[in-house]
């Protein structure tokens, strides 16, 4: 008895190419999923809003530029090649003086503004 196996293709995700497909800022785009987690890339510049994610941690990996994440009791500055995990429930506000390219890792369905809402809330699950 023979079995037909579907032919799989394997290819790397080229983040530089993905960033070349969009210019909007503060609108994360999904590039991959791992179990229930999404890998999102985004361009950021300027100030964001204070928000938290009560149910989950959020990982920021800076790929290009510099990002400051403000907390009510301090801040952390990240350069290209550095990462930081914001613990669940911790209020934070990202800021970038100049455009930053970064990757976010968080569970599927997490809103970029937490429960704050408003005009900066991006639509979820936009694949690029």
PDB file of N, CA and C in Angstrom:
ATOM      1  N   UNK A   1       0.839  -1.169   0.000  1.00  0.00           N
ATOM      2  CA  UNK A   1       0.000   0.000   0.000  1.00  0.00           C
ATOM      3  C   UNK A   1       0.889   1.239   0.000  1.00  0.00           C
ATOM      4  N   UNK A   2       0.590   2.206  -0.870  1.00  0.00           N
ATOM      5  CA  UNK A   2       1.345   3.459  -0.935  1.00  0.00           C
ATOM      6  C   UNK A   2       0.545   4.566  -0.268  1.00  0.00           C
ATOM      7  N   UNK A   3       1.271   5.473   0.287  1.00  0.00           N
ATOM      8  CA  UNK A   3       0.615   6.654   0.870  1.00  0.00           C
ATOM      9  C   UNK A   3       1.092   7.888   0.126  1.00  0.00           C
ATOM     10  N   UNK A   4       0.198   8.787  -0.071  1.00  0.00           N
ATOM     11  CA  UNK A   4       0.555  10.063  -0.695  1.00  0.00           C
ATOM     12  C   UNK A   4       0.864  11.070   0.404  1.00  0.00           C
ATOM     13  N   UNK A   5       2.047  11.551   0.398  1.00  0.00           N
ATOM     14  CA  UNK A   5       2.429  12.575   1.374  1.00  0.00           C
ATOM     15  C   UNK A   5       2.427  13.926   0.682  1.00  0.00           C
ATOM     16  N   UNK A   6       1.818  14.850   1.330  1.00  0.00           N
ATOM     17  CA  UNK A   6       1.814  16.209   0.768  1.00  0.00           C
ATOM     18  C   UNK A   6       3.249  16.734   0.763  1.00  0.00           C
ATOM     19  N   UNK A   7       3.604  17.379  -0.303  1.00  0.00           N
ATOM     20  CA  UNK A   7       4.932  17.956  -0.394  1.00  0.00           C
ATOM     21  C   UNK A   7       4.959  19.263   0.388  1.00  0.00           C
ATOM     22  N   UNK A   8       5.854  19.323   1.323  1.00  0.00           N
ATOM     23  CA  UNK A   8       5.991  20.538   2.126  1.00  0.00           C
ATOM     24  C   UNK A   8       7.092  21.395   1.541  1.00  0.00           C
ATOM     25  N   UNK A   9       6.911  22.675   1.676  1.00  0.00           N
ATOM     26  CA  UNK A   9       7.988  23.587   1.325  1.00  0.00           C
ATOM     27  C   UNK A   9       8.407  24.299   2.596  1.00  0.00           C
ATOM     28  N   UNK A  10       9.688  24.447   2.749  1.00  0.00           N
ATOM     29  CA  UNK A  10      10.240  25.102   3.921  1.00  0.00           C
ATOM     30  C   UNK A  10      10.960  26.360   3.463  1.00  0.00           C
ATOM     31  N   UNK A  11      10.629  27.460   4.088  1.00  0.00           N
ATOM     32  CA  UNK A  11      11.335  28.697   3.748  1.00  0.00           C
ATOM     33  C   UNK A  11      11.428  29.585   4.970  1.00  0.00           C
ATOM     34  N   UNK A  12      12.503  30.304   5.031  1.00  0.00           N
ATOM     35  CA  UNK A  12      12.736  31.228   6.140  1.00  0.00           C
ATOM     36  C   UNK A  12      11.829  32.448   6.001  1.00  0.00           C
ATOM     37  N   UNK A  13      11.524  33.057   7.100  1.00  0.00           N
ATOM     38  CA  UNK A  13      10.788  34.323   7.092  1.00  0.00           C
ATOM     39  C   UNK A  13      11.833  35.421   7.102  1.00  0.00           C
ATOM     40  N   UNK A  14      11.850  36.217   6.046  1.00  0.00           N
ATOM     41  CA  UNK A  14      12.820  37.297   5.924  1.00  0.00           C
ATOM     42  C   UNK A  14      12.192  38.576   6.499  1.00  0.00           C
ATOM     43  N   UNK A  15      12.647  38.976   7.670  1.00  0.00           N
ATOM     44  CA  UNK A  15      12.041  40.128   8.343  1.00  0.00           C
ATOM     45  C   UNK A  15      12.273  41.432   7.584  1.00  0.00           C
ATOM     46  N   UNK A  16      13.421  41.575   6.942  1.00  0.00           N
ATOM     47  CA  UNK A  16      13.667  42.789   6.146  1.00  0.00           C
ATOM     48  C   UNK A  16      12.650  42.908   5.022  1.00  0.00           C
ATOM     49  N   UNK A  17      12.372  41.801   4.353  1.00  0.00           N
ATOM     50  CA  UNK A  17      11.363  41.812   3.288  1.00  0.00           C
ATOM     51  C   UNK A  17       9.990  42.138   3.854  1.00  0.00           C
ATOM     52  N   UNK A  18       9.665  41.568   4.990  1.00  0.00           N
ATOM     53  CA  UNK A  18       8.359  41.829   5.611  1.00  0.00           C
ATOM     54  C   UNK A  18       8.212  43.301   5.979  1.00  0.00           C
ATOM     55  N   UNK A  19       9.248  43.906   6.542  1.00  0.00           N
ATOM     56  CA  UNK A  19       9.179  45.330   6.879  1.00  0.00           C
ATOM     57  C   UNK A  19       9.027  46.196   5.621  1.00  0.00           C
ATOM     58  N   UNK A  20       9.539  45.705   4.499  1.00  0.00           N
ATOM     59  CA  UNK A  20       9.406  46.441   3.243  1.00  0.00           C
ATOM     60  C   UNK A  20       7.989  46.459   2.691  1.00  0.00           C
ATOM     61  N   UNK A  21       7.096  45.650   3.249  1.00  0.00           N
ATOM     62  CA  UNK A  21       5.718  45.562   2.757  1.00  0.00           C
ATOM     63  C   UNK A  21       4.754  46.553   3.407  1.00  0.00           C
ATOM     64  N   UNK A  22       5.221  47.278   4.431  1.00  0.00           N
ATOM     65  CA  UNK A  22       4.327  48.244   5.068  1.00  0.00           C
ATOM     66  C   UNK A  22       5.122  49.399   5.669  1.00  0.00           C
ATOM     67  N   UNK A  23       4.457  50.529   5.815  1.00  0.00           N
ATOM     68  CA  UNK A  23       5.105  51.703   6.406  1.00  0.00           C
ATOM     69  C   UNK A  23       4.329  52.264   7.598  1.00  0.00           C
ATOM     70  N   UNK A  24       3.120  51.750   7.836  1.00  0.00           N
ATOM     71  CA  UNK A  24       2.294  52.251   8.940  1.00  0.00           C
ATOM     72  C   UNK A  24       2.991  52.007  10.270  1.00  0.00           C
ATOM     73  N   UNK A  25       2.777  52.929  11.186  1.00  0.00           N
ATOM     74  CA  UNK A  25       3.355  52.792  12.516  1.00  0.00           C
ATOM     75  C   UNK A  25       2.282  52.425  13.531  1.00  0.00           C
ATOM     76  N   UNK A  26       2.707  51.743  14.578  1.00  0.00           N
ATOM     77  CA  UNK A  26       1.856  51.325  15.697  1.00  0.00           C
ATOM     78  C   UNK A  26       0.777  50.320  15.275  1.00  0.00           C
ATOM     79  N   UNK A  27       0.989  49.608  14.151  1.00  0.00           N
ATOM     80  CA  UNK A  27       0.035  48.602  13.681  1.00  0.00           C
ATOM     81  C   UNK A  27       0.770  47.269  13.480  1.00  0.00           C
ATOM     82  N   UNK A  28       0.903  46.475  14.538  1.00  0.00           N
ATOM     83  CA  UNK A  28       1.653  45.214  14.443  1.00  0.00           C
ATOM     84  C   UNK A  28       1.089  44.262  13.393  1.00  0.00           C
ATOM     85  N   UNK A  29       2.008  43.564  12.718  1.00  0.00           N
ATOM     86  CA  UNK A  29       1.655  42.581  11.690  1.00  0.00           C
ATOM     87  C   UNK A  29       2.190  41.213  12.103  1.00  0.00           C
ATOM     88  N   UNK A  30       1.375  40.191  11.986  1.00  0.00           N
ATOM     89  CA  UNK A  30       1.765  38.830  12.350  1.00  0.00           C
ATOM     90  C   UNK A  30       2.624  38.232  11.237  1.00  0.00           C
ATOM     91  N   UNK A  31       3.775  37.668  11.627  1.00  0.00           N
ATOM     92  CA  UNK A  31       4.632  36.994  10.651  1.00  0.00           C
ATOM     93  C   UNK A  31       4.716  35.489  10.903  1.00  0.00           C
ATOM     94  N   UNK A  32       4.329  35.043  12.105  1.00  0.00           N
ATOM     95  CA  UNK A  32       4.367  33.610  12.419  1.00  0.00           C
ATOM     96  C   UNK A  32       3.590  33.346  13.704  1.00  0.00           C
ATOM     97  N   UNK A  33       3.251  32.076  13.889  1.00  0.00           N
ATOM     98  CA  UNK A  33       2.614  31.635  15.130  1.00  0.00           C
ATOM     99  C   UNK A  33       3.353  30.415  15.656  1.00  0.00           C
ATOM    100  N   UNK A  34       3.378  30.297  16.959  1.00  0.00           N
ATOM    101  CA  UNK A  34       3.954  29.145  17.642  1.00  0.00           C
ATOM    102  C   UNK A  34       2.972  28.763  18.729  1.00  0.00           C
ATOM    103  N   UNK A  35       2.283  27.651  18.535  1.00  0.00           N
ATOM    104  CA  UNK A  35       1.195  27.263  19.427  1.00  0.00           C
ATOM    105  C   UNK A  35       0.198  28.414  19.479  1.00  0.00           C
ATOM    106  N   UNK A  36      -0.077  28.982  20.631  1.00  0.00           N
ATOM    107  CA  UNK A  36      -1.036  30.090  20.718  1.00  0.00           C
ATOM    108  C   UNK A  36      -0.364  31.462  20.728  1.00  0.00           C
ATOM    109  N   UNK A  37       0.949  31.502  20.471  1.00  0.00           N
ATOM    110  CA  UNK A  37       1.681  32.769  20.483  1.00  0.00           C
ATOM    111  C   UNK A  37       1.911  33.291  19.080  1.00  0.00           C
ATOM    112  N   UNK A  38       1.848  34.611  18.950  1.00  0.00           N
ATOM    113  CA  UNK A  38       2.111  35.250  17.665  1.00  0.00           C
ATOM    114  C   UNK A  38       3.411  36.040  17.729  1.00  0.00           C
ATOM    115  N   UNK A  39       4.130  36.002  16.619  1.00  0.00           N
ATOM    116  CA  UNK A  39       5.309  36.825  16.417  1.00  0.00           C
ATOM    117  C   UNK A  39       4.854  37.966  15.512  1.00  0.00           C
ATOM    118  N   UNK A  40       4.922  39.182  16.034  1.00  0.00           N
ATOM    119  CA  UNK A  40       4.440  40.347  15.296  1.00  0.00           C
ATOM    120  C   UNK A  40       5.590  41.315  15.090  1.00  0.00           C
ATOM    121  N   UNK A  41       5.614  41.954  13.925  1.00  0.00           N
ATOM    122  CA  UNK A  41       6.585  43.020  13.696  1.00  0.00           C
ATOM    123  C   UNK A  41       5.827  44.336  13.614  1.00  0.00           C
ATOM    124  N   UNK A  42       6.518  45.401  13.996  1.00  0.00           N
ATOM    125  CA  UNK A  42       5.881  46.714  13.988  1.00  0.00           C
ATOM    126  C   UNK A  42       6.930  47.797  13.824  1.00  0.00           C
ATOM    127  N   UNK A  43       6.465  48.906  13.286  1.00  0.00           N
ATOM    128  CA  UNK A  43       7.248  50.134  13.216  1.00  0.00           C
ATOM    129  C   UNK A  43       6.641  51.086  14.245  1.00  0.00           C
ATOM    130  N   UNK A  44       7.481  51.679  15.070  1.00  0.00           N
ATOM    131  CA  UNK A  44       7.000  52.604  16.091  1.00  0.00           C
ATOM    132  C   UNK A  44       7.786  53.897  16.024  1.00  0.00           C
ATOM    133  N   UNK A  45       7.104  55.000  16.241  1.00  0.00           N
ATOM    134  CA  UNK A  45       7.775  56.297  16.391  1.00  0.00           C
ATOM    135  C   UNK A  45       6.855  57.200  17.193  1.00  0.00           C
ATOM    136  N   UNK A  46       7.429  57.922  18.129  1.00  0.00           N
ATOM    137  CA  UNK A  46       6.657  58.824  18.969  1.00  0.00           C
ATOM    138  C   UNK A  46       6.212  58.133  20.239  1.00  0.00           C
ATOM    139  N   UNK A  47       5.159  58.671  20.820  1.00  0.00           N
ATOM    140  CA  UNK A  47       4.656  58.228  22.117  1.00  0.00           C
ATOM    141  C   UNK A  47       3.424  57.360  21.951  1.00  0.00           C
ATOM    142  N   UNK A  48       3.300  56.343  22.776  1.00  0.00           N
ATOM    143  CA  UNK A  48       2.111  55.499  22.789  1.00  0.00           C
ATOM    144  C   UNK A  48       1.278  55.865  24.010  1.00  0.00           C
ATOM    145  N   UNK A  49       0.323  55.033  24.364  1.00  0.00           N
ATOM    146  CA  UNK A  49      -0.525  55.317  25.519  1.00  0.00           C
ATOM    147  C   UNK A  49      -0.151  54.383  26.679  1.00  0.00           C
ATOM    148  N   UNK A  50      -0.473  54.811  27.890  1.00  0.00           N
ATOM    149  CA  UNK A  50      -0.306  53.954  29.053  1.00  0.00           C
ATOM    150  C   UNK A  50      -1.315  52.811  28.944  1.00  0.00           C
ATOM    151  N   UNK A  51      -0.856  51.593  29.151  1.00  0.00           N
ATOM    152  CA  UNK A  51      -1.743  50.433  29.107  1.00  0.00           C
ATOM    153  C   UNK A  51      -1.068  49.252  29.801  1.00  0.00           C
ATOM    154  N   UNK A  52      -1.841  48.206  30.029  1.00  0.00           N
ATOM    155  CA  UNK A  52      -1.276  46.969  30.552  1.00  0.00           C
ATOM    156  C   UNK A  52      -1.986  45.792  29.896  1.00  0.00           C
ATOM    157  N   UNK A  53      -1.463  44.619  30.161  1.00  0.00           N
ATOM    158  CA  UNK A  53      -2.057  43.372  29.679  1.00  0.00           C
ATOM    159  C   UNK A  53      -2.228  42.479  30.909  1.00  0.00           C
ATOM    160  N   UNK A  54      -3.403  42.527  31.534  1.00  0.00           N
ATOM    161  CA  UNK A  54      -3.604  41.819  32.806  1.00  0.00           C
ATOM    162  C   UNK A  54      -3.445  40.298  32.731  1.00  0.00           C
ATOM    163  N   UNK A  55      -3.597  39.727  31.536  1.00  0.00           N
ATOM    164  CA  UNK A  55      -3.589  38.267  31.401  1.00  0.00           C
ATOM    165  C   UNK A  55      -2.275  37.684  30.900  1.00  0.00           C
ATOM    166  N   UNK A  56      -1.341  38.532  30.423  1.00  0.00           N
ATOM    167  CA  UNK A  56      -0.159  37.963  29.780  1.00  0.00           C
ATOM    168  C   UNK A  56       1.053  38.881  29.840  1.00  0.00           C
ATOM    169  N   UNK A  57       2.230  38.276  29.776  1.00  0.00           N
ATOM    170  CA  UNK A  57       3.475  39.009  29.586  1.00  0.00           C
ATOM    171  C   UNK A  57       3.534  39.443  28.115  1.00  0.00           C
ATOM    172  N   UNK A  58       4.428  40.391  27.828  1.00  0.00           N
ATOM    173  CA  UNK A  58       4.615  40.859  26.446  1.00  0.00           C
ATOM    174  C   UNK A  58       6.104  41.043  26.203  1.00  0.00           C
ATOM    175  N   UNK A  59       6.630  40.403  25.152  1.00  0.00           N
ATOM    176  CA  UNK A  59       8.050  40.492  24.833  1.00  0.00           C
ATOM    177  C   UNK A  59       8.288  41.504  23.719  1.00  0.00           C
ATOM    178  N   UNK A  60       9.247  42.394  23.927  1.00  0.00           N
ATOM    179  CA  UNK A  60       9.690  43.384  22.944  1.00  0.00           C
ATOM    180  C   UNK A  60      11.109  43.027  22.536  1.00  0.00           C
ATOM    181  N   UNK A  61      11.356  42.845  21.241  1.00  0.00           N
ATOM    182  CA  UNK A  61      12.691  42.592  20.712  1.00  0.00           C
ATOM    183  C   UNK A  61      12.976  43.684  19.688  1.00  0.00           C
ATOM    184  N   UNK A  62      13.948  44.543  19.980  1.00  0.00           N
ATOM    185  CA  UNK A  62      14.270  45.642  19.071  1.00  0.00           C
ATOM    186  C   UNK A  62      15.201  45.117  17.981  1.00  0.00           C
ATOM    187  N   UNK A  63      14.782  45.312  16.736  1.00  0.00           N
ATOM    188  CA  UNK A  63      15.563  44.869  15.582  1.00  0.00           C
ATOM    189  C   UNK A  63      16.375  46.013  14.988  1.00  0.00           C
ATOM    190  N   UNK A  64      15.841  47.229  15.068  1.00  0.00           N
ATOM    191  CA  UNK A  64      16.517  48.405  14.516  1.00  0.00           C
ATOM    192  C   UNK A  64      16.039  49.637  15.273  1.00  0.00           C
ATOM    193  N   UNK A  65      16.966  50.483  15.692  1.00  0.00           N
ATOM    194  CA  UNK A  65      16.606  51.701  16.403  1.00  0.00           C
ATOM    195  C   UNK A  65      16.705  51.542  17.912  1.00  0.00           C
ATOM    196  N   UNK A  66      16.101  52.495  18.616  1.00  0.00           N
ATOM    197  CA  UNK A  66      16.111  52.487  20.079  1.00  0.00           C
ATOM    198  C   UNK A  66      14.702  52.725  20.603  1.00  0.00           C
ATOM    199  N   UNK A  67      14.330  51.957  21.612  1.00  0.00           N
ATOM    200  CA  UNK A  67      13.005  52.033  22.207  1.00  0.00           C
ATOM    201  C   UNK A  67      13.141  52.243  23.703  1.00  0.00           C
ATOM    202  N   UNK A  68      12.331  53.149  24.238  1.00  0.00           N
ATOM    203  CA  UNK A  68      12.234  53.311  25.688  1.00  0.00           C
ATOM    204  C   UNK A  68      10.854  52.824  26.100  1.00  0.00           C
ATOM    205  N   UNK A  69      10.801  51.999  27.121  1.00  0.00           N
ATOM    206  CA  UNK A  69       9.525  51.572  27.676  1.00  0.00           C
ATOM    207  C   UNK A  69       9.421  52.198  29.049  1.00  0.00           C
ATOM    208  N   UNK A  70       8.452  53.095  29.205  1.00  0.00           N
ATOM    209  CA  UNK A  70       8.239  53.767  30.483  1.00  0.00           C
ATOM    210  C   UNK A  70       7.325  52.934  31.361  1.00  0.00           C
ATOM    211  N   UNK A  71       7.622  52.959  32.661  1.00  0.00           N
ATOM    212  CA  UNK A  71       6.781  52.341  33.683  1.00  0.00           C
ATOM    213  C   UNK A  71       6.446  53.443  34.687  1.00  0.00           C
ATOM    214  N   UNK A  72       5.460  53.240  35.503  1.00  0.00           N
ATOM    215  CA  UNK A  72       5.085  54.256  36.488  1.00  0.00           C
ATOM    216  C   UNK A  72       6.213  54.527  37.479  1.00  0.00           C
ATOM    217  N   UNK A  73       7.131  53.568  37.635  1.00  0.00           N
ATOM    218  CA  UNK A  73       8.212  53.744  38.611  1.00  0.00           C
ATOM    219  C   UNK A  73       9.603  53.662  37.979  1.00  0.00           C
ATOM    220  N   UNK A  74       9.701  53.878  36.662  1.00  0.00           N
ATOM    221  CA  UNK A  74      11.005  53.838  36.005  1.00  0.00           C
ATOM    222  C   UNK A  74      10.873  53.594  34.513  1.00  0.00           C
ATOM    223  N   UNK A  75      11.949  53.133  33.888  1.00  0.00           N
ATOM    224  CA  UNK A  75      11.945  52.878  32.445  1.00  0.00           C
ATOM    225  C   UNK A  75      13.078  51.924  32.101  1.00  0.00           C
ATOM    226  N   UNK A  76      13.012  51.382  30.887  1.00  0.00           N
ATOM    227  CA  UNK A  76      14.098  50.582  30.335  1.00  0.00           C
ATOM    228  C   UNK A  76      14.318  51.052  28.902  1.00  0.00           C
ATOM    229  N   UNK A  77      15.595  51.161  28.501  1.00  0.00           N
ATOM    230  CA  UNK A  77      15.939  51.539  27.127  1.00  0.00           C
ATOM    231  C   UNK A  77      16.507  50.321  26.421  1.00  0.00           C
ATOM    232  N   UNK A  78      16.013  50.080  25.208  1.00  0.00           N
ATOM    233  CA  UNK A  78      16.444  48.930  24.425  1.00  0.00           C
ATOM    234  C   UNK A  78      17.041  49.401  23.106  1.00  0.00           C
ATOM    235  N   UNK A  79      18.178  48.820  22.745  1.00  0.00           N
ATOM    236  CA  UNK A  79      18.821  49.085  21.457  1.00  0.00           C
ATOM    237  C   UNK A  79      18.658  47.853  20.584  1.00  0.00           C
ATOM    238  N   UNK A  80      19.012  48.002  19.312  1.00  0.00           N
ATOM    239  CA  UNK A  80      18.933  46.873  18.379  1.00  0.00           C
ATOM    240  C   UNK A  80      19.675  45.671  18.957  1.00  0.00           C
ATOM    241  N   UNK A  81      19.014  44.524  18.905  1.00  0.00           N
ATOM    242  CA  UNK A  81      19.605  43.304  19.425  1.00  0.00           C
ATOM    243  C   UNK A  81      19.264  43.030  20.880  1.00  0.00           C
ATOM    244  N   UNK A  82      18.480  43.925  21.509  1.00  0.00           N
ATOM    245  CA  UNK A  82      18.103  43.729  22.906  1.00  0.00           C
ATOM    246  C   UNK A  82      16.605  43.457  23.022  1.00  0.00           C
ATOM    247  N   UNK A  83      16.247  42.812  24.133  1.00  0.00           N
ATOM    248  CA  UNK A  83      14.842  42.504  24.359  1.00  0.00           C
ATOM    249  C   UNK A  83      14.483  42.732  25.819  1.00  0.00           C
ATOM    250  N   UNK A  84      13.178  42.837  26.057  1.00  0.00           N
ATOM    251  CA  UNK A  84      12.665  42.996  27.411  1.00  0.00           C
ATOM    252  C   UNK A  84      11.282  42.374  27.458  1.00  0.00           C
ATOM    253  N   UNK A  85      10.976  41.711  28.565  1.00  0.00           N
ATOM    254  CA  UNK A  85       9.655  41.137  28.768  1.00  0.00           C
ATOM    255  C   UNK A  85       8.928  41.962  29.827  1.00  0.00           C
ATOM    256  N   UNK A  86       7.824  42.571  29.427  1.00  0.00           N
ATOM    257  CA  UNK A  86       6.988  43.306  30.365  1.00  0.00           C
ATOM    258  C   UNK A  86       6.085  42.291  31.059  1.00  0.00           C
ATOM    259  N   UNK A  87       6.173  42.187  32.388  1.00  0.00           N
ATOM    260  CA  UNK A  87       5.336  41.207  33.093  1.00  0.00           C
ATOM    261  C   UNK A  87       3.849  41.557  32.997  1.00  0.00           C
ATOM    262  N   UNK A  88       3.028  40.527  33.030  1.00  0.00           N
ATOM    263  CA  UNK A  88       1.587  40.756  32.947  1.00  0.00           C
ATOM    264  C   UNK A  88       1.138  41.695  34.062  1.00  0.00           C
ATOM    265  N   UNK A  89       0.192  42.569  33.692  1.00  0.00           N
ATOM    266  CA  UNK A  89      -0.379  43.497  34.647  1.00  0.00           C
ATOM    267  C   UNK A  89       0.438  44.738  34.925  1.00  0.00           C
ATOM    268  N   UNK A  90       1.633  44.868  34.360  1.00  0.00           N
ATOM    269  CA  UNK A  90       2.477  46.038  34.606  1.00  0.00           C
ATOM    270  C   UNK A  90       2.148  47.113  33.573  1.00  0.00           C
ATOM    271  N   UNK A  91       1.747  48.272  34.052  1.00  0.00           N
ATOM    272  CA  UNK A  91       1.407  49.374  33.160  1.00  0.00           C
ATOM    273  C   UNK A  91       2.688  49.898  32.511  1.00  0.00           C
ATOM    274  N   UNK A  92       2.612  50.127  31.201  1.00  0.00           N
ATOM    275  CA  UNK A  92       3.784  50.575  30.453  1.00  0.00           C
ATOM    276  C   UNK A  92       3.369  51.452  29.277  1.00  0.00           C
ATOM    277  N   UNK A  93       4.374  52.175  28.746  1.00  0.00           N
ATOM    278  CA  UNK A  93       4.135  53.072  27.613  1.00  0.00           C
ATOM    279  C   UNK A  93       5.403  53.126  26.764  1.00  0.00           C
ATOM    280  N   UNK A  94       5.381  52.497  25.581  1.00  0.00           N
ATOM    281  CA  UNK A  94       6.539  52.571  24.691  1.00  0.00           C
ATOM    282  C   UNK A  94       6.710  53.981  24.100  1.00  0.00           C
ATOM    283  N   UNK A  95       7.969  54.338  23.837  1.00  0.00           N
ATOM    284  CA  UNK A  95       8.301  55.619  23.212  1.00  0.00           C
ATOM    285  C   UNK A  95       9.540  55.427  22.334  1.00  0.00           C
ATOM    286  N   UNK A  96       9.496  56.018  21.138  1.00  0.00           N
ATOM    287  CA  UNK A  96      10.648  55.989  20.232  1.00  0.00           C
ATOM    288  C   UNK A  96      10.842  57.381  19.645  1.00  0.00           C
ATOM    289  N   UNK A  97      11.987  57.963  19.905  1.00  0.00           N
ATOM    290  CA  UNK A  97      12.281  59.294  19.368  1.00  0.00           C
ATOM    291  C   UNK A  97      12.340  59.264  17.843  1.00  0.00           C
ATOM    292  N   UNK A  98      12.960  58.200  17.295  1.00  0.00           N
ATOM    293  CA  UNK A  98      12.998  57.962  15.857  1.00  0.00           C
ATOM    294  C   UNK A  98      12.419  56.573  15.601  1.00  0.00           C
ATOM    295  N   UNK A  99      12.080  56.299  14.365  1.00  0.00           N
ATOM    296  CA  UNK A  99      11.429  55.028  14.068  1.00  0.00           C
ATOM    297  C   UNK A  99      12.236  53.816  14.551  1.00  0.00           C
ATOM    298  N   UNK A 100      11.517  52.900  15.156  1.00  0.00           N
ATOM    299  CA  UNK A 100      12.064  51.632  15.644  1.00  0.00           C
ATOM    300  C   UNK A 100      11.356  50.503  14.905  1.00  0.00           C
ATOM    301  N   UNK A 101      12.111  49.485  14.561  1.00  0.00           N
ATOM    302  CA  UNK A 101      11.528  48.254  14.035  1.00  0.00           C
ATOM    303  C   UNK A 101      11.698  47.213  15.133  1.00  0.00           C
ATOM    304  N   UNK A 102      10.596  46.554  15.467  1.00  0.00           N
ATOM    305  CA  UNK A 102      10.676  45.581  16.546  1.00  0.00           C
ATOM    306  C   UNK A 102       9.791  44.386  16.302  1.00  0.00           C
ATOM    307  N   UNK A 103      10.020  43.360  17.120  1.00  0.00           N
ATOM    308  CA  UNK A 103       9.175  42.184  17.123  1.00  0.00           C
ATOM    309  C   UNK A 103       8.534  42.080  18.495  1.00  0.00           C
ATOM    310  N   UNK A 104       7.251  41.754  18.488  1.00  0.00           N
ATOM    311  CA  UNK A 104       6.507  41.494  19.709  1.00  0.00           C
ATOM    312  C   UNK A 104       6.155  40.013  19.730  1.00  0.00           C
ATOM    313  N   UNK A 105       6.203  39.422  20.902  1.00  0.00           N
ATOM    314  CA  UNK A 105       5.759  38.043  21.051  1.00  0.00           C
ATOM    315  C   UNK A 105       4.717  38.034  22.160  1.00  0.00           C
ATOM    316  N   UNK A 106       3.519  37.597  21.789  1.00  0.00           N
ATOM    317  CA  UNK A 106       2.414  37.596  22.747  1.00  0.00           C
ATOM    318  C   UNK A 106       1.346  36.615  22.273  1.00  0.00           C
ATOM    319  N   UNK A 107       0.458  36.204  23.183  1.00  0.00           N
ATOM    320  CA  UNK A 107      -0.589  35.266  22.777  1.00  0.00           C
ATOM    321  C   UNK A 107      -1.517  35.865  21.714  1.00  0.00           C
ATOM    322  N   UNK A 108      -2.050  35.009  20.881  1.00  0.00           N
ATOM    323  CA  UNK A 108      -3.024  35.411  19.874  1.00  0.00           C
ATOM    324  C   UNK A 108      -4.171  36.159  20.558  1.00  0.00           C
ATOM    325  N   UNK A 109      -4.627  37.249  19.950  1.00  0.00           N
ATOM    326  CA  UNK A 109      -5.784  37.971  20.454  1.00  0.00           C
ATOM    327  C   UNK A 109      -5.493  39.118  21.395  1.00  0.00           C
ATOM    328  N   UNK A 110      -4.219  39.330  21.763  1.00  0.00           N
ATOM    329  CA  UNK A 110      -3.882  40.429  22.675  1.00  0.00           C
ATOM    330  C   UNK A 110      -3.939  41.755  21.911  1.00  0.00           C
ATOM    331  N   UNK A 111      -4.702  42.706  22.437  1.00  0.00           N
ATOM    332  CA  UNK A 111      -4.782  44.033  21.818  1.00  0.00           C
ATOM    333  C   UNK A 111      -3.556  44.857  22.193  1.00  0.00           C
ATOM    334  N   UNK A 112      -3.062  45.637  21.245  1.00  0.00           N
ATOM    335  CA  UNK A 112      -1.865  46.436  21.500  1.00  0.00           C
ATOM    336  C   UNK A 112      -2.077  47.494  22.581  1.00  0.00           C
ATOM    337  N   UNK A 113      -3.314  47.890  22.830  1.00  0.00           N
ATOM    338  CA  UNK A 113      -3.596  48.898  23.850  1.00  0.00           C
ATOM    339  C   UNK A 113      -4.181  48.280  25.122  1.00  0.00           C
ATOM    340  N   UNK A 114      -4.086  46.976  25.258  1.00  0.00           N
ATOM    341  CA  UNK A 114      -4.673  46.325  26.423  1.00  0.00           C
ATOM    342  C   UNK A 114      -6.167  46.583  26.453  1.00  0.00           C
ATOM    343  N   UNK A 115      -6.684  46.986  27.594  1.00  0.00           N
ATOM    344  CA  UNK A 115      -8.110  47.279  27.730  1.00  0.00           C
ATOM    345  C   UNK A 115      -8.395  48.776  27.639  1.00  0.00           C
ATOM    346  N   UNK A 116      -7.389  49.579  27.280  1.00  0.00           N
ATOM    347  CA  UNK A 116      -7.556  51.036  27.217  1.00  0.00           C
ATOM    348  C   UNK A 116      -8.382  51.467  26.014  1.00  0.00           C
ATOM    349  N   UNK A 117      -8.261  50.737  24.905  1.00  0.00           N
ATOM    350  CA  UNK A 117      -9.011  51.091  23.700  1.00  0.00           C
ATOM    351  C   UNK A 117      -8.526  52.414  23.115  1.00  0.00           C
ATOM    352  N   UNK A 118      -9.361  53.018  22.281  1.00  0.00           N
ATOM    353  CA  UNK A 118      -9.024  54.305  21.677  1.00  0.00           C
ATOM    354  C   UNK A 118      -8.512  54.175  20.256  1.00  0.00           C
ATOM    355  N   UNK A 119      -8.142  55.302  19.704  1.00  0.00           N
ATOM    356  CA  UNK A 119      -7.747  55.365  18.289  1.00  0.00           C
ATOM    357  C   UNK A 119      -6.453  54.631  17.982  1.00  0.00           C
ATOM    358  N   UNK A 120      -5.625  54.348  18.965  1.00  0.00           N
ATOM    359  CA  UNK A 120      -4.371  53.623  18.745  1.00  0.00           C
ATOM    360  C   UNK A 120      -4.549  52.107  18.753  1.00  0.00           C
ATOM    361  N   UNK A 121      -5.758  51.622  19.032  1.00  0.00           N
ATOM    362  CA  UNK A 121      -5.983  50.174  19.054  1.00  0.00           C
ATOM    363  C   UNK A 121      -5.929  49.628  17.630  1.00  0.00           C
ATOM    364  N   UNK A 122      -5.006  48.696  17.418  1.00  0.00           N
ATOM    365  CA  UNK A 122      -4.835  48.086  16.096  1.00  0.00           C
ATOM    366  C   UNK A 122      -5.718  46.854  15.966  1.00  0.00           C
ATOM    367  N   UNK A 123      -6.140  46.581  14.740  1.00  0.00           N
ATOM    368  CA  UNK A 123      -6.876  45.352  14.464  1.00  0.00           C
ATOM    369  C   UNK A 123      -5.940  44.169  14.661  1.00  0.00           C
ATOM    370  N   UNK A 124      -6.419  43.114  15.259  1.00  0.00           N
ATOM    371  CA  UNK A 124      -5.615  41.916  15.526  1.00  0.00           C
ATOM    372  C   UNK A 124      -5.540  41.004  14.315  1.00  0.00           C
ATOM    373  N   UNK A 125      -4.562  40.126  14.352  1.00  0.00           N
ATOM    374  CA  UNK A 125      -4.417  39.037  13.394  1.00  0.00           C
ATOM    375  C   UNK A 125      -4.261  39.487  11.948  1.00  0.00           C
ATOM    376  N   UNK A 126      -3.579  40.592  11.733  1.00  0.00           N
ATOM    377  CA  UNK A 126      -3.250  41.018  10.370  1.00  0.00           C
ATOM    378  C   UNK A 126      -1.929  40.367   9.999  1.00  0.00           C
ATOM    379  N   UNK A 127      -1.985  39.445   9.037  1.00  0.00           N
ATOM    380  CA  UNK A 127      -0.802  38.727   8.577  1.00  0.00           C
ATOM    381  C   UNK A 127      -0.145  39.478   7.444  1.00  0.00           C
ATOM    382  N   UNK A 128       1.160  39.385   7.400  1.00  0.00           N
ATOM    383  CA  UNK A 128       1.904  39.990   6.296  1.00  0.00           C
ATOM    384  C   UNK A 128       2.923  38.996   5.771  1.00  0.00           C
TER     385      UNK A 128
END
